[in-house]
C-alpha atoms as a PDB file:
ATOM      1  CA  MET A   1     126.312 -33.064-145.537  1.00  0.00           C
ATOM      2  CA  ILE A   2     123.905 -30.888-143.524  1.00  0.00           C
ATOM      3  CA  THR A   3     120.568 -31.731-141.934  1.00  0.00           C
ATOM      4  CA  LEU A   4     117.852 -29.259-140.942  1.00  0.00           C
ATOM      5  CA  ASP A   5     114.507 -30.279-139.506  1.00  0.00           C
ATOM      6  CA  ARG A   6     112.015 -28.845-142.004  1.00  0.00           C
ATOM      7  CA  GLU A   7     109.236 -28.238-139.464  1.00  0.00           C
ATOM      8  CA  LEU A   8     111.580 -26.667-136.905  1.00  0.00           C
ATOM      9  CA  THR A   9     113.201 -24.524-139.576  1.00  0.00           C
ATOM     10  CA  ALA A  10     109.844 -23.277-140.851  1.00  0.00           C
ATOM     11  CA  GLY A  11     108.884 -22.084-137.381  1.00  0.00           C
ATOM     12  CA  ALA A  12     112.206 -20.584-136.270  1.00  0.00           C
ATOM     13  CA  TYR A  13     113.947 -19.268-139.403  1.00  0.00           C
ATOM     14  CA  GLY A  14     114.702 -15.576-139.070  1.00  0.00           C
ATOM     15  CA  ARG A  15     113.447 -15.514-135.480  1.00  0.00           C
ATOM     16  CA  ALA A  16     115.160 -17.981-133.139  1.00  0.00           C
ATOM     17  CA  PRO A  17     118.323 -20.122-132.917  1.00  0.00           C
ATOM     18  CA  PHE A  18     118.066 -23.871-133.437  1.00  0.00           C
ATOM     19  CA  ALA A  19     120.390 -26.878-133.639  1.00  0.00           C
ATOM     20  CA  VAL A  20     121.485 -28.583-136.870  1.00  0.00           C
ATOM     21  CA  GLU A  21     123.597 -31.601-137.789  1.00  0.00           C
ATOM     22  CA  HIS A  22     126.249 -31.846-140.498  1.00  0.00           C
ATOM     23  CA  GLY A  23     129.116 -33.902-141.899  1.00  0.00           C
ATOM     24  CA  VAL A  24     131.525 -31.048-142.593  1.00  0.00           C
ATOM     25  CA  ASP A  25     133.832 -32.254-139.813  1.00  0.00           C
ATOM     26  CA  ARG A  26     135.073 -34.927-142.224  1.00  0.00           C
ATOM     27  CA  ASP A  27     135.938 -32.477-145.010  1.00  0.00           C
ATOM     28  CA  PRO A  28     139.701 -32.366-145.791  1.00  0.00           C
ATOM     29  CA  ARG A  29     139.485 -28.664-146.659  1.00  0.00           C
ATOM     30  CA  LEU A  30     138.915 -27.918-142.969  1.00  0.00           C
ATOM     31  CA  THR A  31     141.844 -29.724-141.378  1.00  0.00           C
ATOM     32  CA  LEU A  32     144.291 -27.517-139.500  1.00  0.00           C
ATOM     33  CA  GLU A  33     146.982 -28.341-142.061  1.00  0.00           C
ATOM     34  CA  SER A  34     144.742 -27.227-144.935  1.00  0.00           C
ATOM     35  CA  LEU A  35     143.864 -24.027-143.094  1.00  0.00           C
ATOM     36  CA  VAL A  36     147.535 -23.181-142.542  1.00  0.00           C
ATOM     37  CA  GLY A  37     147.956 -23.406-146.312  1.00  0.00           C
ATOM     38  CA  LEU A  38     144.881 -21.261-146.881  1.00  0.00           C
ATOM     39  CA  ALA A  39     146.132 -18.620-144.431  1.00  0.00           C
ATOM     40  CA  ALA A  40     149.435 -18.403-146.298  1.00  0.00           C
ATOM     41  CA  GLU A  41     147.603 -17.406-149.498  1.00  0.00           C
ATOM     42  CA  HIS A  42     144.652 -15.480-148.086  1.00  0.00           C
ATOM     43  CA  PRO A  43     144.628 -11.637-148.227  1.00  0.00           C
ATOM     44  CA  ALA A  44     146.000 -10.179-145.005  1.00  0.00           C
ATOM     45  CA  ASP A  45     143.062  -7.802-144.604  1.00  0.00           C
ATOM     46  CA  LEU A  46     140.719 -10.795-144.468  1.00  0.00           C
ATOM     47  CA  ILE A  47     142.493 -12.414-141.513  1.00  0.00           C
ATOM     48  CA  GLU A  48     141.898 -11.307-137.938  1.00  0.00           C
ATOM     49  CA  HIS A  49     143.505 -12.751-134.838  1.00  0.00           C
ATOM     50  CA  ASN A  50     143.870 -11.779-131.217  1.00  0.00           C
ATOM     51  CA  LEU A  51     144.369 -13.364-127.827  1.00  0.00           C
ATOM     52  CA  GLY A  52     141.333 -15.264-126.624  1.00  0.00           C
ATOM     53  CA  THR A  53     141.903 -14.479-122.947  1.00  0.00           C
ATOM     54  CA  VAL A  54     139.339 -11.671-122.975  1.00  0.00           C
ATOM     55  CA  PRO A  55     136.201 -10.946-120.927  1.00  0.00           C
ATOM     56  CA  VAL A  56     132.730 -11.848-122.121  1.00  0.00           C
ATOM     57  CA  THR A  57     131.945  -8.150-122.638  1.00  0.00           C
ATOM     58  CA  LEU A  58     134.535  -6.210-124.634  1.00  0.00           C
ATOM     59  CA  PRO A  59     132.904  -3.083-126.107  1.00  0.00           C
ATOM     60  CA  GLY A  60     134.920  -1.630-128.957  1.00  0.00           C
ATOM     61  CA  GLY A  61     136.618  -4.938-129.669  1.00  0.00           C
ATOM     62  CA  ALA A  62     140.138  -3.881-128.667  1.00  0.00           C
ATOM     63  CA  ALA A  63     142.116  -7.024-127.793  1.00  0.00           C
ATOM     64  CA  PRO A  64     145.875  -7.721-127.858  1.00  0.00           C
ATOM     65  CA  SER A  65     147.336  -9.974-130.537  1.00  0.00           C
ATOM     66  CA  LEU A  66     150.583 -11.832-131.086  1.00  0.00           C
ATOM     67  CA  ALA A  67     153.226 -10.368-133.405  1.00  0.00           C
ATOM     68  CA  LEU A  68     153.195 -13.447-135.627  1.00  0.00           C
ATOM     69  CA  ASP A  69     152.115 -14.125-139.176  1.00  0.00           C
ATOM     70  CA  PRO A  70     148.819 -16.010-139.549  1.00  0.00           C
ATOM     71  CA  GLU A  71     150.458 -19.316-140.480  1.00  0.00           C
ATOM     72  CA  ALA A  72     152.569 -19.225-137.313  1.00  0.00           C
ATOM     73  CA  VAL A  73     149.542 -18.377-135.188  1.00  0.00           C
ATOM     74  CA  LEU A  74     147.696 -21.387-136.588  1.00  0.00           C
ATOM     75  CA  ARG A  75     150.619 -23.792-136.240  1.00  0.00           C
ATOM     76  CA  GLU A  76     150.999 -22.856-132.559  1.00  0.00           C
ATOM     77  CA  ILE A  77     147.299 -22.359-131.770  1.00  0.00           C
ATOM     78  CA  ALA A  78     147.234 -25.198-129.239  1.00  0.00           C
ATOM     79  CA  ASP A  79     149.609 -23.281-126.972  1.00  0.00           C
ATOM     80  CA  ASN A  80     149.447 -19.567-127.820  1.00  0.00           C
ATOM     81  CA  GLY A  81     145.983 -18.671-126.495  1.00  0.00           C
ATOM     82  CA  SER A  82     144.844 -17.074-129.756  1.00  0.00           C
ATOM     83  CA  TRP A  83     141.614 -16.808-131.700  1.00  0.00           C
ATOM     84  CA  MET A  84     141.578 -16.389-135.487  1.00  0.00           C
ATOM     85  CA  VAL A  85     139.019 -15.873-138.220  1.00  0.00           C
ATOM     86  CA  LEU A  86     139.700 -16.331-141.928  1.00  0.00           C
ATOM     87  CA  LYS A  87     137.075 -14.139-143.572  1.00  0.00           C
ATOM     88  CA  ASN A  88     135.482 -14.659-146.969  1.00  0.00           C
ATOM     89  CA  VAL A  89     137.214 -17.948-147.632  1.00  0.00           C
ATOM     90  CA  GLU A  90     134.856 -18.344-150.589  1.00  0.00           C
ATOM     91  CA  ARG A  91     137.400 -16.265-152.519  1.00  0.00           C
ATOM     92  CA  ASP A  92     139.255 -19.567-152.858  1.00  0.00           C
ATOM     93  CA  PRO A  93     137.466 -21.783-155.434  1.00  0.00           C
ATOM     94  CA  ALA A  94     137.649 -24.885-153.243  1.00  0.00           C
ATOM     95  CA  TYR A  95     135.887 -23.145-150.355  1.00  0.00           C
ATOM     96  CA  ALA A  96     133.450 -21.408-152.702  1.00  0.00           C
ATOM     97  CA  ALA A  97     132.367 -24.857-153.878  1.00  0.00           C
ATOM     98  CA  LEU A  98     131.909 -25.974-150.265  1.00  0.00           C
ATOM     99  CA  LEU A  99     129.847 -22.887-149.422  1.00  0.00           C
ATOM    100  CA  ASP A 100     127.615 -23.259-152.460  1.00  0.00           C
ATOM    101  CA  ASP A 101     127.058 -26.958-151.864  1.00  0.00           C
ATOM    102  CA  LEU A 102     126.010 -26.338-148.263  1.00  0.00           C
ATOM    103  CA  LEU A 103     123.796 -23.340-148.921  1.00  0.00           C
ATOM    104  CA  ASP A 104     122.133 -24.960-151.924  1.00  0.00           C
ATOM    105  CA  ARG A 105     121.102 -27.790-149.591  1.00  0.00           C
ATOM    106  CA  VAL A 106     119.994 -25.347-146.915  1.00  0.00           C
ATOM    107  CA  GLY A 107     118.065 -23.237-149.405  1.00  0.00           C
ATOM    108  CA  ALA A 108     115.976 -26.234-150.407  1.00  0.00           C
ATOM    109  CA  VAL A 109     114.618 -26.394-146.834  1.00  0.00           C
ATOM    110  CA  LEU A 110     114.278 -22.716-145.903  1.00  0.00           C
ATOM    111  CA  PRO A 111     110.823 -21.116-146.108  1.00  0.00           C
ATOM    112  CA  GLY A 112     110.402 -18.029-148.263  1.00  0.00           C
ATOM    113  CA  THR A 113     109.286 -15.809-145.405  1.00  0.00           C
ATOM    114  CA  GLU A 114     112.516 -13.787-145.221  1.00  0.00           C
ATOM    115  CA  GLY A 115     112.979 -13.164-148.934  1.00  0.00           C
ATOM    116  CA  THR A 116     115.643 -14.445-151.288  1.00  0.00           C
ATOM    117  CA  GLY A 117     119.019 -15.485-149.861  1.00  0.00           C
ATOM    118  CA  LEU A 118     121.711 -13.020-150.929  1.00  0.00           C
ATOM    119  CA  HIS A 119     125.391 -12.287-150.423  1.00  0.00           C
ATOM    120  CA  ARG A 120     126.724 -15.724-149.475  1.00  0.00           C
ATOM    121  CA  GLU A 121     129.908 -15.721-147.380  1.00  0.00           C
ATOM    122  CA  ALA A 122     132.011 -18.234-145.449  1.00  0.00           C
ATOM    123  CA  PHE A 123     134.286 -17.750-142.435  1.00  0.00           C
ATOM    124  CA  VAL A 124     136.570 -20.208-140.659  1.00  0.00           C
ATOM    125  CA  PHE A 125     137.204 -19.759-136.931  1.00  0.00           C
ATOM    126  CA  VAL A 126     140.181 -21.402-135.235  1.00  0.00           C
ATOM    127  CA  SER A 127     140.624 -20.897-131.512  1.00  0.00           C
ATOM    128  CA  ALA A 128     142.893 -22.042-128.719  1.00  0.00           C
ATOM    129  CA  PRO A 129     141.693 -24.075-125.742  1.00  0.00           C
ATOM    130  CA  GLY A 130     139.586 -22.014-123.359  1.00  0.00           C
ATOM    131  CA  SER A 131     139.440 -18.904-125.532  1.00  0.00           C
ATOM    132  CA  VAL A 132     136.444 -16.565-125.474  1.00  0.00           C
ATOM    133  CA  THR A 133     134.677 -14.710-128.260  1.00  0.00           C
ATOM    134  CA  PRO A 134     133.021 -11.707-126.540  1.00  0.00           C
ATOM    135  CA  VAL A 135     129.304 -11.046-126.782  1.00  0.00           C
ATOM    136  CA  HIS A 136     128.373  -9.513-130.118  1.00  0.00           C
ATOM    137  CA  VAL A 137     125.833  -9.470-132.934  1.00  0.00           C
ATOM    138  CA  ASP A 138     126.161 -10.267-136.631  1.00  0.00           C
ATOM    139  CA  PRO A 139     124.055  -8.860-139.490  1.00  0.00           C
ATOM    140  CA  GLU A 140     123.665 -12.152-141.350  1.00  0.00           C
ATOM    141  CA  ASN A 141     121.793 -15.401-141.054  1.00  0.00           C
ATOM    142  CA  ASN A 142     124.477 -17.735-139.781  1.00  0.00           C
ATOM    143  CA  LEU A 143     124.996 -21.489-139.635  1.00  0.00           C
ATOM    144  CA  LEU A 144     127.947 -22.214-137.344  1.00  0.00           C
ATOM    145  CA  LEU A 145     129.206 -25.757-137.958  1.00  0.00           C
ATOM    146  CA  GLN A 146     131.606 -27.321-135.455  1.00  0.00           C
ATOM    147  CA  VAL A 147     134.461 -29.166-137.199  1.00  0.00           C
ATOM    148  CA  ARG A 148     137.061 -29.908-134.502  1.00  0.00           C
ATOM    149  CA  GLY A 149     137.086 -29.628-130.715  1.00  0.00           C
ATOM    150  CA  THR A 150     134.175 -28.376-128.652  1.00  0.00           C
ATOM    151  CA  LYS A 151     132.661 -25.029-127.773  1.00  0.00           C
ATOM    152  CA  ALA A 152     129.652 -23.594-125.997  1.00  0.00           C
ATOM    153  CA  MET A 153     127.554 -21.104-127.942  1.00  0.00           C
ATOM    154  CA  HIS A 154     125.644 -18.872-125.517  1.00  0.00           C
ATOM    155  CA  VAL A 155     122.716 -16.972-127.015  1.00  0.00           C
ATOM    156  CA  GLY A 156     120.270 -14.601-125.395  1.00  0.00           C
ATOM    157  CA  SER A 157     118.232 -11.434-125.738  1.00  0.00           C
ATOM    158  CA  PHE A 158     118.712  -7.733-125.211  1.00  0.00           C
ATOM    159  CA  ALA A 159     117.630  -6.519-121.781  1.00  0.00           C
ATOM    160  CA  ASP A 160     114.768  -4.467-123.246  1.00  0.00           C
ATOM    161  CA  ALA A 161     113.607  -2.708-126.409  1.00  0.00           C
ATOM    162  CA  ASP A 162     115.571   0.461-125.650  1.00  0.00           C
ATOM    163  CA  VAL A 163     118.832  -1.451-125.204  1.00  0.00           C
ATOM    164  CA  ARG A 164     118.154  -3.356-128.424  1.00  0.00           C
ATOM    165  CA  ALA A 165     117.531  -0.167-130.375  1.00  0.00           C
ATOM    166  CA  ARG A 166     120.608   1.575-128.961  1.00  0.00           C
ATOM    167  CA  GLU A 167     122.978  -1.337-129.581  1.00  0.00           C
ATOM    168  CA  LEU A 168     121.732  -2.231-133.070  1.00  0.00           C
ATOM    169  CA  GLU A 169     121.552   1.375-134.256  1.00  0.00           C
ATOM    170  CA  ARG A 170     125.104   1.901-133.030  1.00  0.00           C
ATOM    171  CA  PHE A 171     126.291  -1.247-134.830  1.00  0.00           C
ATOM    172  CA  TYR A 172     124.541  -0.538-138.136  1.00  0.00           C
ATOM    173  CA  GLY A 173     125.695   3.057-137.855  1.00  0.00           C
ATOM    174  CA  GLY A 174     129.282   1.828-138.205  1.00  0.00           C
ATOM    175  CA  ALA A 175     130.432   0.880-134.697  1.00  0.00           C
ATOM    176  CA  HIS A 176     132.006  -2.417-133.626  1.00  0.00           C
ATOM    177  CA  ARG A 177     129.859  -5.562-133.427  1.00  0.00           C
ATOM    178  CA  ASN A 178     130.712  -6.169-129.751  1.00  0.00           C
ATOM    179  CA  LEU A 179     127.989  -5.283-127.258  1.00  0.00           C
ATOM    180  CA  GLU A 180     128.186  -3.343-124.018  1.00  0.00           C
ATOM    181  CA  GLN A 181     126.061  -5.757-121.992  1.00  0.00           C
ATOM    182  CA  ARG A 182     125.827  -9.496-121.622  1.00  0.00           C
ATOM    183  CA  PRO A 183     122.508 -10.865-122.942  1.00  0.00           C
ATOM    184  CA  VAL A 184     119.659 -11.900-120.688  1.00  0.00           C
ATOM    185  CA  ASP A 185     117.703 -15.167-120.809  1.00  0.00           C
ATOM    186  CA  GLU A 186     120.751 -17.051-122.062  1.00  0.00           C
ATOM    187  CA  SER A 187     120.577 -20.571-123.438  1.00  0.00           C
ATOM    188  CA  THR A 188     123.555 -22.689-124.447  1.00  0.00           C
ATOM    189  CA  PHE A 189     124.279 -24.904-127.444  1.00  0.00           C
ATOM    190  CA  ALA A 190     127.038 -27.401-126.594  1.00  0.00           C
ATOM    191  CA  LEU A 191     128.795 -28.064-129.904  1.00  0.00           C
ATOM    192  CA  GLU A 192     130.900 -31.085-130.813  1.00  0.00           C
ATOM    193  CA  PRO A 193     132.135 -32.077-134.293  1.00  0.00           C
ATOM    194  CA  GLY A 194     129.047 -32.706-136.412  1.00  0.00           C
ATOM    195  CA  ASP A 195     126.908 -30.270-134.397  1.00  0.00           C
ATOM    196  CA  GLY A 196     125.859 -26.840-135.535  1.00  0.00           C
ATOM    197  CA  VAL A 197     123.576 -23.963-134.665  1.00  0.00           C
ATOM    198  CA  TYR A 198     121.551 -21.520-136.741  1.00  0.00           C
ATOM    199  CA  LEU A 199     121.564 -17.897-135.574  1.00  0.00           C
ATOM    200  CA  PRO A 200     119.236 -15.246-137.016  1.00  0.00           C
ATOM    201  CA  PRO A 201     120.615 -11.751-137.603  1.00  0.00           C
ATOM    202  CA  ASP A 202     121.120  -9.487-134.593  1.00  0.00           C
ATOM    203  CA  VAL A 203     120.941 -12.160-131.879  1.00  0.00           C
ATOM    204  CA  PRO A 204     123.356 -11.429-128.977  1.00  0.00           C
ATOM    205  CA  HIS A 205     125.765 -14.326-128.494  1.00  0.00           C
ATOM    206  CA  TRP A 206     129.187 -15.232-127.152  1.00  0.00           C
ATOM    207  CA  VAL A 207     131.383 -18.319-127.339  1.00  0.00           C
ATOM    208  CA  GLN A 208     133.484 -20.258-124.821  1.00  0.00           C
ATOM    209  CA  ASN A 209     135.942 -22.723-126.323  1.00  0.00           C
ATOM    210  CA  GLY A 210     136.468 -26.183-124.820  1.00  0.00           C
ATOM    211  CA  PRO A 211     139.750 -27.777-123.667  1.00  0.00           C
ATOM    212  CA  GLU A 212     141.059 -28.472-127.192  1.00  0.00           C
ATOM    213  CA  VAL A 213     141.773 -26.487-130.349  1.00  0.00           C
ATOM    214  CA  SER A 214     138.481 -25.618-132.025  1.00  0.00           C
ATOM    215  CA  VAL A 215     137.755 -25.274-135.746  1.00  0.00           C
ATOM    216  CA  SER A 216     134.347 -24.016-136.887  1.00  0.00           C
ATOM    217  CA  LEU A 217     132.926 -23.111-140.284  1.00  0.00           C
ATOM    218  CA  SER A 218     130.422 -20.280-140.441  1.00  0.00           C
ATOM    219  CA  ILE A 219     128.288 -20.035-143.583  1.00  0.00           C
ATOM    220  CA  THR A 220     126.228 -16.878-143.832  1.00  0.00           C
ATOM    221  CA  TRP A 221     123.710 -15.210-146.068  1.00  0.00           C
ATOM    222  CA  ARG A 222     121.558 -12.124-146.021  1.00  0.00           C
ATOM    223  CA  THR A 223     117.989 -11.660-147.138  1.00  0.00           C
ATOM    224  CA  ARG A 224     115.911  -8.796-148.417  1.00  0.00           C
ATOM    225  CA  ARG A 225     114.429  -8.465-144.950  1.00  0.00           C
ATOM    226  CA  SER A 226     117.793  -8.381-143.147  1.00  0.00           C
ATOM    227  CA  GLY A 227     119.135  -5.860-145.659  1.00  0.00           C
ATOM    228  CA  ARG A 228     116.092  -3.651-145.231  1.00  0.00           C
ATOM    229  CA  ASP A 229     116.214  -3.816-141.437  1.00  0.00           C
ATOM    230  CA  GLY A 230     119.926  -2.980-141.450  1.00  0.00           C
ATOM    231  CA  ALA A 231     119.348   0.079-143.622  1.00  0.00           C
ATOM    232  CA  VAL A 232     116.512   1.247-141.369  1.00  0.00           C
ATOM    233  CA  LEU A 233     118.669   0.848-138.262  1.00  0.00           C
ATOM    234  CA  ALA A 234     121.524   2.774-139.899  1.00  0.00           C
ATOM    235  CA  MET A 235     119.160   5.640-140.665  1.00  0.00           C
ATOM    236  CA  ASN A 236     117.688   5.471-137.167  1.00  0.00           C
ATOM    237  CA  HIS A 237     121.215   5.951-135.827  1.00  0.00           C
ATOM    238  CA  ARG A 238     121.521   9.170-137.843  1.00  0.00           C
ATOM    239  CA  LEU A 239     118.089  10.365-136.761  1.00  0.00           C
ATOM    240  CA  ARG A 240     118.650   9.667-133.070  1.00  0.00           C
ATOM    241  CA  ARG A 241     121.889  11.671-133.138  1.00  0.00           C
ATOM    242  CA  ARG A 242     119.781  14.599-134.331  1.00  0.00           C
ATOM    243  CA  GLY A 243     117.346  14.327-131.445  1.00  0.00           C
ATOM    244  CA  VAL A 244     114.658  12.301-133.215  1.00  0.00           C
ATOM    245  CA  ARG A 245     113.158   9.198-131.570  1.00  0.00           C
ATOM    246  CA  PRO A 246     112.861   6.937-134.631  1.00  0.00           C
ATOM    247  CA  THR A 247     110.435   4.094-135.283  1.00  0.00           C
ATOM    248  CA  PRO A 248     112.000   0.598-135.141  1.00  0.00           C
ATOM    249  CA  PRO A 249     112.081  -1.575-138.274  1.00  0.00           C
ATOM    250  CA  GLY A 250     108.866  -3.401-139.093  1.00  0.00           C
ATOM    251  CA  VAL A 251     106.449  -0.919-137.512  1.00  0.00           C
ATOM    252  CA  SER A 252     105.690   1.148-140.628  1.00  0.00           C
ATOM    253  CA  ARG A 253     106.331  -0.061-144.184  1.00  0.00           C
ATOM    254  CA  VAL A 254     106.096   3.507-145.456  1.00  0.00           C
ATOM    255  CA  ARG A 255     108.679   4.854-143.019  1.00  0.00           C
ATOM    256  CA  ASP A 256     110.923   1.833-143.548  1.00  0.00           C
ATOM    257  CA  GLY A 257     110.793   2.345-147.313  1.00  0.00           C
ATOM    258  CA  ALA A 258     111.687   6.019-147.002  1.00  0.00           C
ATOM    259  CA  LYS A 259     114.612   5.205-144.709  1.00  0.00           C
ATOM    260  CA  VAL A 260     115.927   2.507-147.049  1.00  0.00           C
ATOM    261  CA  THR A 261     115.832   4.959-149.956  1.00  0.00           C
ATOM    262  CA  ALA A 262     117.567   7.661-147.919  1.00  0.00           C
ATOM    263  CA  HIS A 263     120.225   5.197-146.766  1.00  0.00           C
ATOM    264  CA  ARG A 264     120.970   4.194-150.359  1.00  0.00           C
ATOM    265  CA  VAL A 265     121.289   7.815-151.432  1.00  0.00           C
ATOM    266  CA  LEU A 266     123.612   8.670-148.537  1.00  0.00           C
ATOM    267  CA  ALA A 267     125.731   5.565-149.165  1.00  0.00           C
ATOM    268  CA  LEU A 268     126.088   6.233-152.898  1.00  0.00           C
ATOM    269  CA  PRO A 269     129.284   8.361-152.662  1.00  0.00           C
ATOM    270  CA  ASP A 270     131.045   5.585-150.738  1.00  0.00           C
ATOM    271  CA  ARG A 271     129.954   2.988-153.290  1.00  0.00           C
ATOM    272  CA  LEU A 272     131.179   5.181-156.123  1.00  0.00           C
ATOM    273  CA  ARG A 273     134.549   5.694-154.424  1.00  0.00           C
ATOM    274  CA  ARG A 274     134.980   1.952-153.919  1.00  0.00           C
ATOM    275  CA  GLY A 275     134.164   1.363-157.566  1.00  0.00           C
ATOM    276  CA  ALA A 276     136.530   4.063-158.829  1.00  0.00           C
END
């Protein structure tokens, strides 16, 4: 159902995007009709939709949306110019089984360099012809699998180390995932049904939909390394606001460890409130 080149994966995992192939485009759980049914039952706070007629850079993420329920947005997606994501579809047992099947296959190929795969999640993106997903970053390892229609995935780099630090510290400090600047050194993955692309955490990317309705499945996971780096960046955000110029993740294991511990302590009240 999914094919990764073992040698390519060993060299690029956790560091660089690469293409994959899959057979998910033939899965009946990912037809538009099935997704309309899923949207009708899915928690409202796990569905996001807005108009896809937005610029490539949209800091803050504010975009207009249609005053329609999710099922109506999906039924009319060919003509209404919208973009939608169904988050955490693994809450539904049928999609949980799909996620586990795919990531079990992927896990058999991945090297152990990044640490154990944790926190598996699945997202379904449905977008109207020509819609744009603005440039942003995500905190997870991500396999984006094209199911229906076509899209161009544009990936690149931050302009320099200072821009990278500022943008990632802001994001892990609680701000929106959208970036202020378009990436440099862009390359493009042209995706058709059966194509996919692996993206490491924190890689700037944006998406341009093709001339038809697009359906994509995103399967994601985190690792001990990505979790550690995220905690360090969150603490660096706090430190920079206090006038400190912090060390980036990966430079000092001792400093990284201290920041991870501090982040956990500071986050404990929020975790306790959520568990109350």
